[in-house]
Amino acid sequence: MTKLERPDAPLIAALERARIHPLWDRYQRITPMAPHAKDEPMHWRWREIEPFAERAAKEVGIEDVERRALILANPAFGGATVTTQNLIGAFTVLEPGDRAVPHRHTAAAIRFATRAEGAVTIVNGRRCEMHEGDLVLTPPMCWHGHINQGSRRTVWFDAANMPAICSLDASFFEPGRRDDARFWEVGTEGSAEYRFPWQDAVRGLAPAADGSLTYRYSKDGGSVMPTLDLFLKRITQTREARSTCSAVCLVVSGEGRSKIGGQTFEWSQHDVFTVPHWTWASHQGAGDLFIVTDRAIYERLELLREEFR
């Protein structure tokens, strides 16, 4: 029976003209049986990103832009600047002496030092040095800016939940002043509040349900920020797992492979790949993965579901 042959077809048509939709006609569209990710998993190789980082450093003056950052864009989202459903991942490049102008925003963001020796992030008047493997937080509406005080180009990995915030139409952004010399004149270390040293994360690795050694970056036992949950995983062989949250994964060190959905990615240091929500994924190799997730959102809304097999 086609839609036009249905006995309730005139009623449905009349309801639609009145801007009313009948539940019985479309309940499976309103309440799907299970999550279905719009995006396929993606993999960006550092060897392909690095030449663009070099060009950006040479061709884009830091005084002309808000940030000299290369954002990893997933084509599943129709040209939107999105890495996976609720997250973006990027690499920021600073030349010696460069200062990235202060600003603040509603989105929660992080910096993970890859080749960042000499770089400093200042968060709400606190100085956070960025040594290899260090994590620096920039919580919502905290003023933050970056400076390269070293003699070499610095690069680090950024992630933020701007897509999630924008989908809620809850984004606020405040630019700072480029001529605000006082912003940079700070001597207070921000380690305890905003910075997680690499050595502390490694010491905290412990067996996890998926078979990896895992460290959860945490404050008071919960996620490190209300809308971002971050993990370090030391990989040998993991069980397949899936979750209602999505993830952006940075290869900190080593080599290996990940099977995500129907795809297999061979990865090496500083590569980035995604795990879309409710997609089976497993990892094997010898390496460390830094993983950014939107898990905290789902946990707080009691929408988190995780499975292993």
C-alpha atoms as a PDB file:
ATOM      1  CA  MET A   1       0.000   0.000   0.000  1.00  0.00           C
ATOM      2  CA  THR A   2       1.476   3.332  -1.036  1.00  0.00           C
ATOM      3  CA  LYS A   3       1.198   6.451   1.072  1.00  0.00           C
ATOM      4  CA  LEU A   4      -1.541   7.820  -1.212  1.00  0.00           C
ATOM      5  CA  GLU A   5      -3.591   4.591  -0.882  1.00  0.00           C
ATOM      6  CA  ARG A   6      -3.562   4.672   2.915  1.00  0.00           C
ATOM      7  CA  PRO A   7      -6.984   5.345   4.486  1.00  0.00           C
ATOM      8  CA  ASP A   8      -5.422   8.066   6.652  1.00  0.00           C
ATOM      9  CA  ALA A   9      -3.740   9.825   3.701  1.00  0.00           C
ATOM     10  CA  PRO A  10      -6.227  12.763   3.620  1.00  0.00           C
ATOM     11  CA  LEU A  11      -5.813  13.261   7.360  1.00  0.00           C
ATOM     12  CA  ILE A  12      -1.997  13.214   7.093  1.00  0.00           C
ATOM     13  CA  ALA A  13      -2.086  15.740   4.249  1.00  0.00           C
ATOM     14  CA  ALA A  14      -4.395  18.024   6.219  1.00  0.00           C
ATOM     15  CA  LEU A  15      -2.200  17.769   9.309  1.00  0.00           C
ATOM     16  CA  GLU A  16       0.915  18.640   7.320  1.00  0.00           C
ATOM     17  CA  ARG A  17      -0.776  21.694   5.813  1.00  0.00           C
ATOM     18  CA  ALA A  18      -1.548  22.784   9.384  1.00  0.00           C
ATOM     19  CA  ARG A  19       2.114  22.285  10.369  1.00  0.00           C
ATOM     20  CA  ILE A  20       1.248  19.240  12.474  1.00  0.00           C
ATOM     21  CA  HIS A  21       2.938  15.870  12.038  1.00  0.00           C
ATOM     22  CA  PRO A  22       1.316  12.546  12.989  1.00  0.00           C
ATOM     23  CA  LEU A  23       3.581  10.408  15.156  1.00  0.00           C
ATOM     24  CA  TRP A  24       2.204   7.137  13.801  1.00  0.00           C
ATOM     25  CA  ASP A  25       3.401   8.027  10.316  1.00  0.00           C
ATOM     26  CA  ARG A  26       7.041   8.744  11.182  1.00  0.00           C
ATOM     27  CA  TYR A  27       7.911   7.444  14.652  1.00  0.00           C
ATOM     28  CA  GLN A  28      10.943   5.486  13.381  1.00  0.00           C
ATOM     29  CA  ARG A  29      12.432   8.703  12.005  1.00  0.00           C
ATOM     30  CA  ILE A  30      11.825  10.476  15.333  1.00  0.00           C
ATOM     31  CA  THR A  31      13.104   7.603  17.490  1.00  0.00           C
ATOM     32  CA  PRO A  32      15.684   5.559  15.532  1.00  0.00           C
ATOM     33  CA  MET A  33      16.380   2.030  16.755  1.00  0.00           C
ATOM     34  CA  ALA A  34      20.070   2.844  17.386  1.00  0.00           C
ATOM     35  CA  PRO A  35      22.596   5.625  16.700  1.00  0.00           C
ATOM     36  CA  HIS A  36      23.894   5.842  13.132  1.00  0.00           C
ATOM     37  CA  ALA A  37      27.000   7.948  12.573  1.00  0.00           C
ATOM     38  CA  LYS A  38      26.886  10.292   9.617  1.00  0.00           C
ATOM     39  CA  ASP A  39      30.674  10.206   9.260  1.00  0.00           C
ATOM     40  CA  GLU A  40      33.032   7.444   8.228  1.00  0.00           C
ATOM     41  CA  PRO A  41      36.269   7.078  10.202  1.00  0.00           C
ATOM     42  CA  MET A  42      39.063   9.281   8.853  1.00  0.00           C
ATOM     43  CA  HIS A  43      42.863   9.116   8.975  1.00  0.00           C
ATOM     44  CA  TRP A  44      45.283  12.024   8.458  1.00  0.00           C
ATOM     45  CA  ARG A  45      48.974  11.127   8.145  1.00  0.00           C
ATOM     46  CA  TRP A  46      51.494  13.473   9.714  1.00  0.00           C
ATOM     47  CA  ARG A  47      53.799  13.084   6.718  1.00  0.00           C
ATOM     48  CA  GLU A  48      51.049  14.692   4.609  1.00  0.00           C
ATOM     49  CA  ILE A  49      50.176  17.374   7.177  1.00  0.00           C
ATOM     50  CA  GLU A  50      53.742  18.504   7.882  1.00  0.00           C
ATOM     51  CA  PRO A  51      54.410  20.133   4.470  1.00  0.00           C
ATOM     52  CA  PHE A  52      51.263  22.247   4.924  1.00  0.00           C
ATOM     53  CA  ALA A  53      52.398  23.246   8.408  1.00  0.00           C
ATOM     54  CA  GLU A  54      55.694  24.360   6.920  1.00  0.00           C
ATOM     55  CA  ARG A  55      53.971  26.372   4.199  1.00  0.00           C
ATOM     56  CA  ALA A  56      51.605  27.983   6.692  1.00  0.00           C
ATOM     57  CA  ALA A  57      54.547  29.031   8.886  1.00  0.00           C
ATOM     58  CA  LYS A  58      56.209  30.725   5.917  1.00  0.00           C
ATOM     59  CA  GLU A  59      53.188  32.147   4.110  1.00  0.00           C
ATOM     60  CA  VAL A  60      50.787  33.213   6.898  1.00  0.00           C
ATOM     61  CA  GLY A  61      51.861  36.008   9.227  1.00  0.00           C
ATOM     62  CA  ILE A  62      50.753  35.438  12.814  1.00  0.00           C
ATOM     63  CA  GLU A  63      49.910  39.142  13.126  1.00  0.00           C
ATOM     64  CA  ASP A  64      47.303  38.735  10.355  1.00  0.00           C
ATOM     65  CA  VAL A  65      45.299  35.820  11.764  1.00  0.00           C
ATOM     66  CA  GLU A  66      43.544  34.724  14.946  1.00  0.00           C
ATOM     67  CA  ARG A  67      45.378  31.378  14.918  1.00  0.00           C
ATOM     68  CA  ARG A  68      47.766  29.704  12.485  1.00  0.00           C
ATOM     69  CA  ALA A  69      45.999  26.367  12.783  1.00  0.00           C
ATOM     70  CA  LEU A  70      45.293  23.544  10.335  1.00  0.00           C
ATOM     71  CA  ILE A  71      41.927  21.946  11.154  1.00  0.00           C
ATOM     72  CA  LEU A  72      41.261  18.362  10.080  1.00  0.00           C
ATOM     73  CA  ALA A  73      37.997  18.407   8.095  1.00  0.00           C
ATOM     74  CA  ASN A  74      35.829  15.347   7.556  1.00  0.00           C
ATOM     75  CA  PRO A  75      34.074  15.432   4.145  1.00  0.00           C
ATOM     76  CA  ALA A  76      31.003  13.701   5.603  1.00  0.00           C
ATOM     77  CA  PHE A  77      29.877  17.053   6.981  1.00  0.00           C
ATOM     78  CA  GLY A  78      29.477  18.802   3.634  1.00  0.00           C
ATOM     79  CA  GLY A  79      32.372  21.227   3.856  1.00  0.00           C
ATOM     80  CA  ALA A  80      31.792  22.179   7.501  1.00  0.00           C
ATOM     81  CA  THR A  81      34.911  22.618   9.643  1.00  0.00           C
ATOM     82  CA  VAL A  82      34.268  19.472  11.651  1.00  0.00           C
ATOM     83  CA  THR A  83      36.528  16.496  12.410  1.00  0.00           C
ATOM     84  CA  THR A  84      33.881  14.240  13.924  1.00  0.00           C
ATOM     85  CA  GLN A  85      30.336  14.945  15.054  1.00  0.00           C
ATOM     86  CA  ASN A  86      31.037  17.123  18.111  1.00  0.00           C
ATOM     87  CA  LEU A  87      34.805  17.717  17.886  1.00  0.00           C
ATOM     88  CA  ILE A  88      37.532  19.359  15.884  1.00  0.00           C
ATOM     89  CA  GLY A  89      41.194  18.389  15.825  1.00  0.00           C
ATOM     90  CA  ALA A  90      43.973  20.615  14.477  1.00  0.00           C
ATOM     91  CA  PHE A  91      47.673  21.436  14.513  1.00  0.00           C
ATOM     92  CA  THR A  92      48.890  24.923  15.460  1.00  0.00           C
ATOM     93  CA  VAL A  93      52.212  26.277  14.176  1.00  0.00           C
ATOM     94  CA  LEU A  94      54.305  29.079  15.712  1.00  0.00           C
ATOM     95  CA  GLU A  95      57.593  30.467  14.489  1.00  0.00           C
ATOM     96  CA  PRO A  96      60.175  31.720  17.036  1.00  0.00           C
ATOM     97  CA  GLY A  97      58.891  34.912  18.651  1.00  0.00           C
ATOM     98  CA  ASP A  98      55.319  34.453  17.391  1.00  0.00           C
ATOM     99  CA  ARG A  99      52.466  35.393  19.697  1.00  0.00           C
ATOM    100  CA  ALA A 100      48.969  34.045  19.041  1.00  0.00           C
ATOM    101  CA  VAL A 101      46.553  36.762  20.154  1.00  0.00           C
ATOM    102  CA  PRO A 102      44.609  36.137  23.383  1.00  0.00           C
ATOM    103  CA  HIS A 103      40.946  35.254  23.178  1.00  0.00           C
ATOM    104  CA  ARG A 104      38.321  33.228  24.997  1.00  0.00           C
ATOM    105  CA  HIS A 105      35.268  31.225  24.001  1.00  0.00           C
ATOM    106  CA  THR A 106      32.506  28.974  25.259  1.00  0.00           C
ATOM    107  CA  ALA A 107      33.994  25.833  23.737  1.00  0.00           C
ATOM    108  CA  ALA A 108      36.298  23.689  25.844  1.00  0.00           C
ATOM    109  CA  ALA A 109      39.702  23.187  24.221  1.00  0.00           C
ATOM    110  CA  ILE A 110      43.046  21.474  24.822  1.00  0.00           C
ATOM    111  CA  ARG A 111      46.644  21.601  23.576  1.00  0.00           C
ATOM    112  CA  PHE A 112      48.809  18.474  23.464  1.00  0.00           C
ATOM    113  CA  ALA A 113      52.496  19.145  22.840  1.00  0.00           C
ATOM    114  CA  THR A 114      53.962  17.251  19.886  1.00  0.00           C
ATOM    115  CA  ARG A 115      56.913  19.343  18.634  1.00  0.00           C
ATOM    116  CA  ALA A 116      56.266  22.229  20.971  1.00  0.00           C
ATOM    117  CA  GLU A 117      59.487  22.644  22.937  1.00  0.00           C
ATOM    118  CA  GLY A 118      59.814  26.358  23.667  1.00  0.00           C
ATOM    119  CA  ALA A 119      56.100  27.101  23.393  1.00  0.00           C
ATOM    120  CA  VAL A 120      54.080  28.511  26.274  1.00  0.00           C
ATOM    121  CA  THR A 121      50.313  28.778  26.660  1.00  0.00           C
ATOM    122  CA  ILE A 122      49.030  31.386  29.084  1.00  0.00           C
ATOM    123  CA  VAL A 123      45.656  30.542  30.609  1.00  0.00           C
ATOM    124  CA  ASN A 124      43.895  33.093  32.830  1.00  0.00           C
ATOM    125  CA  GLY A 125      47.200  34.616  33.879  1.00  0.00           C
ATOM    126  CA  ARG A 126      48.919  31.268  34.444  1.00  0.00           C
ATOM    127  CA  ARG A 127      52.014  30.246  32.493  1.00  0.00           C
ATOM    128  CA  CYS A 128      51.916  26.687  31.104  1.00  0.00           C
ATOM    129  CA  GLU A 129      55.096  25.459  29.444  1.00  0.00           C
ATOM    130  CA  MET A 130      54.572  22.904  26.691  1.00  0.00           C
ATOM    131  CA  HIS A 131      57.120  20.094  26.777  1.00  0.00           C
ATOM    132  CA  GLU A 132      56.673  16.996  24.631  1.00  0.00           C
ATOM    133  CA  GLY A 133      53.636  15.011  25.738  1.00  0.00           C
ATOM    134  CA  ASP A 134      52.271  17.698  28.054  1.00  0.00           C
ATOM    135  CA  LEU A 135      48.566  18.519  28.037  1.00  0.00           C
ATOM    136  CA  VAL A 136      47.306  22.078  28.572  1.00  0.00           C
ATOM    137  CA  LEU A 137      43.637  22.827  29.183  1.00  0.00           C
ATOM    138  CA  THR A 138      41.797  25.956  28.109  1.00  0.00           C
ATOM    139  CA  PRO A 139      38.423  25.575  29.875  1.00  0.00           C
ATOM    140  CA  PRO A 140      35.343  27.476  28.701  1.00  0.00           C
ATOM    141  CA  MET A 141      35.669  31.286  28.839  1.00  0.00           C
ATOM    142  CA  CYS A 142      39.271  31.225  30.075  1.00  0.00           C
ATOM    143  CA  TRP A 143      41.506  33.818  28.422  1.00  0.00           C
ATOM    144  CA  HIS A 144      44.347  32.084  26.598  1.00  0.00           C
ATOM    145  CA  GLY A 145      47.134  32.925  24.189  1.00  0.00           C
ATOM    146  CA  HIS A 146      50.310  31.247  22.930  1.00  0.00           C
ATOM    147  CA  ILE A 147      53.906  32.299  22.456  1.00  0.00           C
ATOM    148  CA  ASN A 148      56.973  30.581  21.009  1.00  0.00           C
ATOM    149  CA  GLN A 149      59.903  31.573  23.206  1.00  0.00           C
ATOM    150  CA  GLY A 150      62.247  29.020  21.653  1.00  0.00           C
ATOM    151  CA  SER A 151      64.595  29.166  18.695  1.00  0.00           C
ATOM    152  CA  ARG A 152      62.730  26.635  16.517  1.00  0.00           C
ATOM    153  CA  ARG A 153      59.304  26.261  14.982  1.00  0.00           C
ATOM    154  CA  THR A 154      56.772  24.727  17.378  1.00  0.00           C
ATOM    155  CA  VAL A 155      53.785  22.539  16.546  1.00  0.00           C
ATOM    156  CA  TRP A 156      51.131  21.092  18.817  1.00  0.00           C
ATOM    157  CA  PHE A 157      47.837  19.268  18.533  1.00  0.00           C
ATOM    158  CA  ASP A 158      44.631  21.141  19.389  1.00  0.00           C
ATOM    159  CA  ALA A 159      41.141  19.798  19.984  1.00  0.00           C
ATOM    160  CA  ALA A 160      37.880  21.491  20.935  1.00  0.00           C
ATOM    161  CA  ASN A 161      34.149  20.813  21.053  1.00  0.00           C
ATOM    162  CA  MET A 162      33.113  23.806  18.970  1.00  0.00           C
ATOM    163  CA  PRO A 163      30.777  21.712  16.755  1.00  0.00           C
ATOM    164  CA  ALA A 164      28.840  20.559  19.831  1.00  0.00           C
ATOM    165  CA  ILE A 165      28.588  24.082  21.219  1.00  0.00           C
ATOM    166  CA  CYS A 166      27.537  25.504  17.852  1.00  0.00           C
ATOM    167  CA  SER A 167      24.904  22.801  17.352  1.00  0.00           C
ATOM    168  CA  LEU A 168      23.355  24.038  20.611  1.00  0.00           C
ATOM    169  CA  ASP A 169      23.705  27.638  19.368  1.00  0.00           C
ATOM    170  CA  ALA A 170      25.464  28.428  22.652  1.00  0.00           C
ATOM    171  CA  SER A 171      28.764  29.803  21.362  1.00  0.00           C
ATOM    172  CA  PHE A 172      30.248  33.051  22.626  1.00  0.00           C
ATOM    173  CA  PHE A 173      33.664  34.371  21.521  1.00  0.00           C
ATOM    174  CA  GLU A 174      35.614  37.345  22.826  1.00  0.00           C
ATOM    175  CA  PRO A 175      38.763  38.532  21.038  1.00  0.00           C
ATOM    176  CA  GLY A 176      41.641  39.975  23.020  1.00  0.00           C
ATOM    177  CA  ARG A 177      44.015  42.810  22.122  1.00  0.00           C
ATOM    178  CA  ARG A 178      47.235  42.251  20.239  1.00  0.00           C
ATOM    179  CA  ASP A 179      48.834  45.210  21.997  1.00  0.00           C
ATOM    180  CA  ASP A 180      48.053  43.986  25.538  1.00  0.00           C
ATOM    181  CA  ALA A 181      51.602  43.552  26.836  1.00  0.00           C
ATOM    182  CA  ARG A 182      50.376  42.744  30.326  1.00  0.00           C
ATOM    183  CA  PHE A 183      48.807  39.509  29.129  1.00  0.00           C
ATOM    184  CA  TRP A 184      52.262  38.035  28.464  1.00  0.00           C
ATOM    185  CA  GLU A 185      53.910  39.368  31.623  1.00  0.00           C
ATOM    186  CA  VAL A 186      53.066  36.498  33.963  1.00  0.00           C
ATOM    187  CA  GLY A 187      55.308  34.471  36.201  1.00  0.00           C
ATOM    188  CA  THR A 188      52.754  32.175  37.818  1.00  0.00           C
ATOM    189  CA  GLU A 189      52.990  28.554  36.763  1.00  0.00           C
ATOM    190  CA  GLY A 190      49.674  26.920  35.900  1.00  0.00           C
ATOM    191  CA  SER A 191      50.696  23.290  36.247  1.00  0.00           C
ATOM    192  CA  ALA A 192      48.265  22.301  38.976  1.00  0.00           C
ATOM    193  CA  GLU A 193      45.167  23.839  37.407  1.00  0.00           C
ATOM    194  CA  TYR A 194      45.689  23.729  33.641  1.00  0.00           C
ATOM    195  CA  ARG A 195      48.727  21.566  32.836  1.00  0.00           C
ATOM    196  CA  PHE A 196      49.170  17.783  32.986  1.00  0.00           C
ATOM    197  CA  PRO A 197      52.837  16.776  32.536  1.00  0.00           C
ATOM    198  CA  TRP A 198      53.564  13.734  30.364  1.00  0.00           C
ATOM    199  CA  GLN A 199      55.378  11.917  33.159  1.00  0.00           C
ATOM    200  CA  ASP A 200      52.324  12.077  35.427  1.00  0.00           C
ATOM    201  CA  ALA A 201      50.095  10.567  32.740  1.00  0.00           C
ATOM    202  CA  VAL A 202      52.521   7.708  32.083  1.00  0.00           C
ATOM    203  CA  ARG A 203      52.807   6.946  35.788  1.00  0.00           C
ATOM    204  CA  GLY A 204      49.016   6.786  36.003  1.00  0.00           C
ATOM    205  CA  LEU A 205      48.529   4.151  33.292  1.00  0.00           C
ATOM    206  CA  ALA A 206      46.449   1.209  34.554  1.00  0.00           C
ATOM    207  CA  PRO A 207      44.696  -1.822  33.009  1.00  0.00           C
ATOM    208  CA  ALA A 208      41.379  -0.959  31.339  1.00  0.00           C
ATOM    209  CA  ALA A 209      38.368  -2.969  30.175  1.00  0.00           C
ATOM    210  CA  ASP A 210      39.443  -2.826  26.517  1.00  0.00           C
ATOM    211  CA  GLY A 211      42.820  -4.462  27.214  1.00  0.00           C
ATOM    212  CA  SER A 212      44.936  -1.317  27.020  1.00  0.00           C
ATOM    213  CA  LEU A 213      46.778   0.506  29.743  1.00  0.00           C
ATOM    214  CA  THR A 214      44.768   3.700  30.174  1.00  0.00           C
ATOM    215  CA  TYR A 215      45.102   6.991  32.009  1.00  0.00           C
ATOM    216  CA  ARG A 216      42.070   9.250  32.310  1.00  0.00           C
ATOM    217  CA  TYR A 217      42.960  12.910  32.672  1.00  0.00           C
ATOM    218  CA  SER A 218      40.771  13.841  35.570  1.00  0.00           C
ATOM    219  CA  LYS A 219      39.805  16.394  38.160  1.00  0.00           C
ATOM    220  CA  ASP A 220      38.157  15.103  41.320  1.00  0.00           C
ATOM    221  CA  GLY A 221      37.662  11.683  39.754  1.00  0.00           C
ATOM    222  CA  GLY A 222      35.519  12.880  36.846  1.00  0.00           C
ATOM    223  CA  SER A 223      36.167  14.169  33.353  1.00  0.00           C
ATOM    224  CA  VAL A 224      38.818  16.859  33.152  1.00  0.00           C
ATOM    225  CA  MET A 225      36.258  19.370  31.832  1.00  0.00           C
ATOM    226  CA  PRO A 226      32.449  19.224  31.897  1.00  0.00           C
ATOM    227  CA  THR A 227      32.156  18.583  28.148  1.00  0.00           C
ATOM    228  CA  LEU A 228      35.486  16.932  27.225  1.00  0.00           C
ATOM    229  CA  ASP A 229      36.892  13.617  28.436  1.00  0.00           C
ATOM    230  CA  LEU A 230      40.538  12.841  27.654  1.00  0.00           C
ATOM    231  CA  PHE A 231      42.549   9.625  27.783  1.00  0.00           C
ATOM    232  CA  LEU A 232      46.051   8.285  27.178  1.00  0.00           C
ATOM    233  CA  LYS A 233      46.143   4.656  26.004  1.00  0.00           C
ATOM    234  CA  ARG A 234      49.206   2.426  25.709  1.00  0.00           C
ATOM    235  CA  ILE A 235      48.356  -0.076  23.010  1.00  0.00           C
ATOM    236  CA  THR A 236      49.317  -3.678  22.432  1.00  0.00           C
ATOM    237  CA  GLN A 237      46.009  -5.367  21.539  1.00  0.00           C
ATOM    238  CA  THR A 238      42.558  -4.103  22.502  1.00  0.00           C
ATOM    239  CA  ARG A 239      39.116  -5.642  22.415  1.00  0.00           C
ATOM    240  CA  GLU A 240      36.573  -4.260  20.001  1.00  0.00           C
ATOM    241  CA  ALA A 241      34.549  -1.523  21.634  1.00  0.00           C
ATOM    242  CA  ARG A 242      31.919   1.014  20.671  1.00  0.00           C
ATOM    243  CA  SER A 243      30.333   3.949  22.439  1.00  0.00           C
ATOM    244  CA  THR A 244      27.679   6.584  21.969  1.00  0.00           C
ATOM    245  CA  CYS A 245      30.496   9.147  22.143  1.00  0.00           C
ATOM    246  CA  SER A 246      32.976   9.897  19.352  1.00  0.00           C
ATOM    247  CA  ALA A 247      36.751  10.293  19.515  1.00  0.00           C
ATOM    248  CA  VAL A 248      39.687  12.004  17.828  1.00  0.00           C
ATOM    249  CA  CYS A 249      42.916  10.050  18.345  1.00  0.00           C
ATOM    250  CA  LEU A 250      46.472  11.415  18.135  1.00  0.00           C
ATOM    251  CA  VAL A 251      49.359   8.956  17.825  1.00  0.00           C
ATOM    252  CA  VAL A 252      51.827  10.158  20.442  1.00  0.00           C
ATOM    253  CA  SER A 253      54.440   7.502  19.693  1.00  0.00           C
ATOM    254  CA  GLY A 254      54.961   4.135  18.077  1.00  0.00           C
ATOM    255  CA  GLU A 255      53.255   2.339  15.220  1.00  0.00           C
ATOM    256  CA  GLY A 256      50.225   0.152  14.848  1.00  0.00           C
ATOM    257  CA  ARG A 257      46.883  -0.326  13.190  1.00  0.00           C
ATOM    258  CA  SER A 258      43.268   0.316  14.063  1.00  0.00           C
ATOM    259  CA  LYS A 259      40.204  -1.409  12.681  1.00  0.00           C
ATOM    260  CA  ILE A 260      37.314   1.073  12.784  1.00  0.00           C
ATOM    261  CA  GLY A 261      34.021   0.084  11.254  1.00  0.00           C
ATOM    262  CA  GLY A 262      34.957  -1.611   7.999  1.00  0.00           C
ATOM    263  CA  GLN A 263      38.271   0.213   7.603  1.00  0.00           C
ATOM    264  CA  THR A 264      41.805  -0.487   8.784  1.00  0.00           C
ATOM    265  CA  PHE A 265      44.319   2.341   9.313  1.00  0.00           C
ATOM    266  CA  GLU A 266      48.083   1.848   9.623  1.00  0.00           C
ATOM    267  CA  TRP A 267      49.335   4.657  11.870  1.00  0.00           C
ATOM    268  CA  SER A 268      52.594   6.165  13.063  1.00  0.00           C
ATOM    269  CA  GLN A 269      53.748   9.095  15.208  1.00  0.00           C
ATOM    270  CA  HIS A 270      51.617  12.264  15.056  1.00  0.00           C
ATOM    271  CA  ASP A 271      48.994  10.758  12.756  1.00  0.00           C
ATOM    272  CA  VAL A 272      45.382  11.529  13.670  1.00  0.00           C
ATOM    273  CA  PHE A 273      42.314   9.351  13.141  1.00  0.00           C
ATOM    274  CA  THR A 274      38.690   9.400  14.227  1.00  0.00           C
ATOM    275  CA  VAL A 275      36.313   6.899  15.796  1.00  0.00           C
ATOM    276  CA  PRO A 276      32.716   7.927  14.984  1.00  0.00           C
ATOM    277  CA  HIS A 277      30.070   7.267  17.607  1.00  0.00           C
ATOM    278  CA  TRP A 278      28.549   3.788  17.870  1.00  0.00           C
ATOM    279  CA  THR A 279      31.238   2.331  15.591  1.00  0.00           C
ATOM    280  CA  TRP A 280      33.200  -0.793  16.517  1.00  0.00           C
ATOM    281  CA  ALA A 281      36.919  -0.100  16.906  1.00  0.00           C
ATOM    282  CA  SER A 282      40.000  -2.029  18.026  1.00  0.00           C
ATOM    283  CA  HIS A 283      43.716  -1.213  18.066  1.00  0.00           C
ATOM    284  CA  GLN A 284      46.923  -3.211  17.962  1.00  0.00           C
ATOM    285  CA  GLY A 285      50.607  -2.336  17.824  1.00  0.00           C
ATOM    286  CA  ALA A 286      53.172  -0.771  20.104  1.00  0.00           C
ATOM    287  CA  GLY A 287      52.338   2.843  20.754  1.00  0.00           C
ATOM    288  CA  ASP A 288      50.599   5.531  22.775  1.00  0.00           C
ATOM    289  CA  LEU A 289      47.338   7.180  21.722  1.00  0.00           C
ATOM    290  CA  PHE A 290      46.049  10.467  23.133  1.00  0.00           C
ATOM    291  CA  ILE A 291      42.278  10.370  22.779  1.00  0.00           C
ATOM    292  CA  VAL A 292      39.864  13.311  22.898  1.00  0.00           C
ATOM    293  CA  THR A 293      36.196  12.425  23.356  1.00  0.00           C
ATOM    294  CA  ASP A 294      32.825  14.049  23.934  1.00  0.00           C
ATOM    295  CA  ARG A 295      32.074  11.275  26.450  1.00  0.00           C
ATOM    296  CA  ALA A 296      31.503  13.759  29.282  1.00  0.00           C
ATOM    297  CA  ILE A 297      28.458  15.229  27.518  1.00  0.00           C
ATOM    298  CA  TYR A 298      26.803  11.824  27.141  1.00  0.00           C
ATOM    299  CA  GLU A 299      27.713  10.780  30.668  1.00  0.00           C
ATOM    300  CA  ARG A 300      26.168  13.893  32.203  1.00  0.00           C
ATOM    301  CA  LEU A 301      23.011  13.534  30.110  1.00  0.00           C
ATOM    302  CA  GLU A 302      22.784   9.815  30.999  1.00  0.00           C
ATOM    303  CA  LEU A 303      23.083   8.930  27.303  1.00  0.00           C
ATOM    304  CA  LEU A 304      26.389   7.066  27.573  1.00  0.00           C
ATOM    305  CA  ARG A 305      26.401   3.450  26.400  1.00  0.00           C
ATOM    306  CA  GLU A 306      29.579   1.439  25.890  1.00  0.00           C
ATOM    307  CA  GLU A 307      29.956  -2.136  24.620  1.00  0.00           C
ATOM    308  CA  PHE A 308      32.839  -4.605  24.212  1.00  0.00           C
ATOM    309  CA  ARG A 309      33.205  -7.843  22.321  1.00  0.00           C
END
